Structures are given as C-alpha cells and as structure tokens.
Protein backbone atom coordinates (compact mmCIF):
# COMPACT_ATOMS: atom_id res chain seq x y z
CA MET A 1 10.41 32.28 30.60
CA SER A 2 10.08 32.31 26.84
CA LEU A 3 7.59 30.42 25.27
CA ALA A 4 9.69 27.58 23.60
CA LEU A 5 10.94 26.52 26.80
CA ALA A 6 7.50 26.53 28.68
CA VAL A 7 6.50 24.07 25.76
CA ALA A 8 9.32 21.98 26.09
CA LEU A 9 8.93 22.00 30.14
CA GLY A 10 5.29 20.91 30.23
CA ALA A 11 6.30 18.26 27.55
CA ALA A 12 9.04 16.88 29.68
CA VAL A 13 6.58 16.14 32.47
CA GLY A 14 3.56 15.21 30.47
CA ALA A 15 5.19 12.44 28.34
CA PRO A 16 6.38 10.09 31.37
CA ALA A 17 3.21 11.04 32.98
CA ARG A 18 1.11 9.44 30.57
CA TYR A 19 3.48 6.36 30.31
CA LEU A 20 3.01 5.86 34.13
CA LEU A 21 -0.87 6.35 34.21
CA ASP A 22 -1.26 4.13 31.09
CA ALA A 23 1.00 1.54 32.84
CA ALA A 24 -0.89 1.55 36.31
CA VAL A 25 -4.31 1.32 34.52
CA SER A 26 -3.25 -0.91 32.12
CA GLY A 27 -1.72 -3.16 34.87
CA ARG A 28 -4.90 -3.13 37.12
CA SER A 29 -6.91 -3.92 34.11
CA ARG A 30 -8.36 -7.40 32.83
CA SER A 31 -9.62 -6.04 29.98
CA ARG A 32 -8.62 -6.39 26.29
CA LEU A 33 -9.44 -2.96 25.56
CA PRO A 34 -6.31 -0.40 25.87
CA LEU A 35 -7.98 1.38 28.96
CA GLY A 36 -4.53 3.10 30.34
CA ILE A 37 -4.67 5.46 27.14
CA LEU A 38 -8.38 5.88 27.46
CA ALA A 39 -7.97 6.83 31.03
CA VAL A 40 -5.13 9.20 29.89
CA ASN A 41 -7.05 10.87 26.94
CA LEU A 42 -10.06 11.48 28.88
CA LEU A 43 -8.59 12.74 32.17
CA GLY A 44 -6.71 14.92 29.47
CA CYS A 45 -9.62 16.08 27.75
CA LEU A 46 -11.20 17.08 31.14
CA ALA A 47 -8.19 19.22 31.98
CA VAL A 48 -7.99 20.99 28.90
CA GLY A 49 -11.47 22.34 29.54
CA VAL A 50 -10.78 23.24 32.89
CA LEU A 51 -7.80 25.26 31.47
CA ALA A 52 -9.80 27.09 28.59
CA GLY A 53 -12.69 27.86 31.24
CA ALA A 54 -9.97 29.32 33.71
CA GLU A 55 -8.63 31.82 30.87
CA PRO A 56 -4.96 31.66 31.89
CA SER A 57 -2.09 33.76 30.60
CA THR A 58 -0.11 32.68 27.58
CA THR A 59 2.95 31.27 29.37
CA THR A 60 0.34 28.94 31.44
CA VAL A 61 -1.47 27.96 28.09
CA ARG A 62 2.20 27.20 26.60
CA LEU A 63 3.53 25.14 29.62
CA ALA A 64 0.17 23.18 30.38
CA GLY A 65 -1.67 23.10 27.49
CA LEU A 66 0.69 22.81 24.35
CA GLY A 67 3.55 21.33 26.84
CA PHE A 68 2.10 19.04 29.45
CA LEU A 69 -1.40 18.51 27.73
CA GLY A 70 -0.12 17.89 24.20
CA SER A 71 2.37 15.22 25.13
CA PHE A 72 0.29 13.97 27.92
CA THR A 73 -2.41 12.99 25.47
CA THR A 74 -2.03 11.56 22.35
CA ALA A 75 -3.88 10.86 19.02
CA SER A 76 -1.14 8.80 17.86
CA THR A 77 -1.54 6.06 20.41
CA LEU A 78 -5.23 6.25 20.29
CA ALA A 79 -4.66 5.72 16.61
CA TRP A 80 -2.68 2.71 17.39
CA ASP A 81 -4.77 1.17 20.00
CA VAL A 82 -8.45 1.52 17.64
CA ILE A 83 -6.19 0.04 14.86
CA ALA A 84 -5.22 -2.67 16.70
CA VAL A 85 -8.49 -3.54 18.81
CA GLY A 86 -10.28 -3.15 15.57
CA ALA A 87 -8.27 -5.64 13.92
CA ARG A 88 -9.59 -8.12 16.78
CA SER A 89 -13.14 -6.82 16.59
CA ARG A 90 -14.59 -4.28 14.29
CA ARG A 91 -17.44 -3.56 16.99
CA ALA A 92 -14.96 -2.99 19.66
CA GLY A 93 -12.58 -0.72 17.71
CA ALA A 94 -15.73 1.54 17.00
CA VAL A 95 -16.69 1.71 20.53
CA LEU A 96 -13.53 2.61 21.79
CA LEU A 97 -13.02 5.38 19.46
CA ALA A 98 -16.71 6.31 20.18
CA LEU A 99 -15.61 6.84 23.78
CA HIS A 100 -12.66 8.45 22.92
CA VAL A 101 -14.33 11.05 21.14
CA VAL A 102 -17.77 11.43 22.67
CA VAL A 103 -16.78 11.26 26.34
CA GLY A 104 -13.54 13.43 25.84
CA LEU A 105 -15.62 16.13 24.29
CA ALA A 106 -18.46 15.83 26.94
CA LEU A 107 -15.38 15.84 29.74
CA THR A 108 -13.98 18.84 28.02
CA ALA A 109 -17.13 20.71 28.21
CA VAL A 110 -17.89 19.66 31.99
CA GLY A 111 -14.09 20.92 32.54
CA LEU A 112 -14.90 24.35 31.01
CA VAL A 113 -18.39 24.49 33.08
CA VAL A 114 -16.29 23.74 36.41
CA ALA A 115 -13.84 26.13 35.67
CA ARG A 116 -15.97 29.14 34.92
CA ALA A 117 -18.25 28.45 37.92
CA VAL A 118 -15.43 28.13 40.08
CA GLY A 119 -13.80 30.94 38.71
C-alpha cells in the first residue's frame, strides 16, 4: 500500500470517529464546556503515546498516526472551542486549554510507558 493511501484511509475513518465520539459525549453532558472535543483529543493523546511506544512500521505510522489520529484529533476545533468558551469566561477558556495541553501531554506519556511495558 502506498504511504499516501495509508494516510487517506486512516483519515477517512478518523474524521467520522471524531464526530461520533464528540456527539456522544456532548449529547450526554450538561456542561457548558465542549467536553466532546476534550474527550477526543485526550483519547488521541493516549493513543499516539501507545503508537509511539509500540515502534510500528512506517505504514502503520502513516495509517494510524498521521491518517487516523491526525483527523481524529483536531487543533482547529480546540482553538475554536477555547475562543468560544473564553468569550464567555476567560477563566473557563484558560482551564479548557490547560486541560487539553497538560492532561494531553500526561496521557501521551502514559501511553508511551504502557506500550513499552507491554511490548
């Protein structure tokens, strides 16, 4: 499989997965914070840590990492949500951004450690 095709196939699955998880979490939440995208991005951080720790083949990195996780997680939606929440409350916007960055980095490290321990 060509590497470009691997990225395209992963992306074709990642984007709908992001939409569905975001909708499921947001539909169940009473919070004014965009918890759906927070859940998507944190899960994606954990997954990229696992992927990095597993030391996969180039094709797997393209398919799962660049394709699936690249379209599953989203910096643009994060930016949009932080600005929208920040317009209502600067403190809430700052908390949301901090959750994405700090918890996301921590989950990436956890995923890396878990993958190395298992593998």
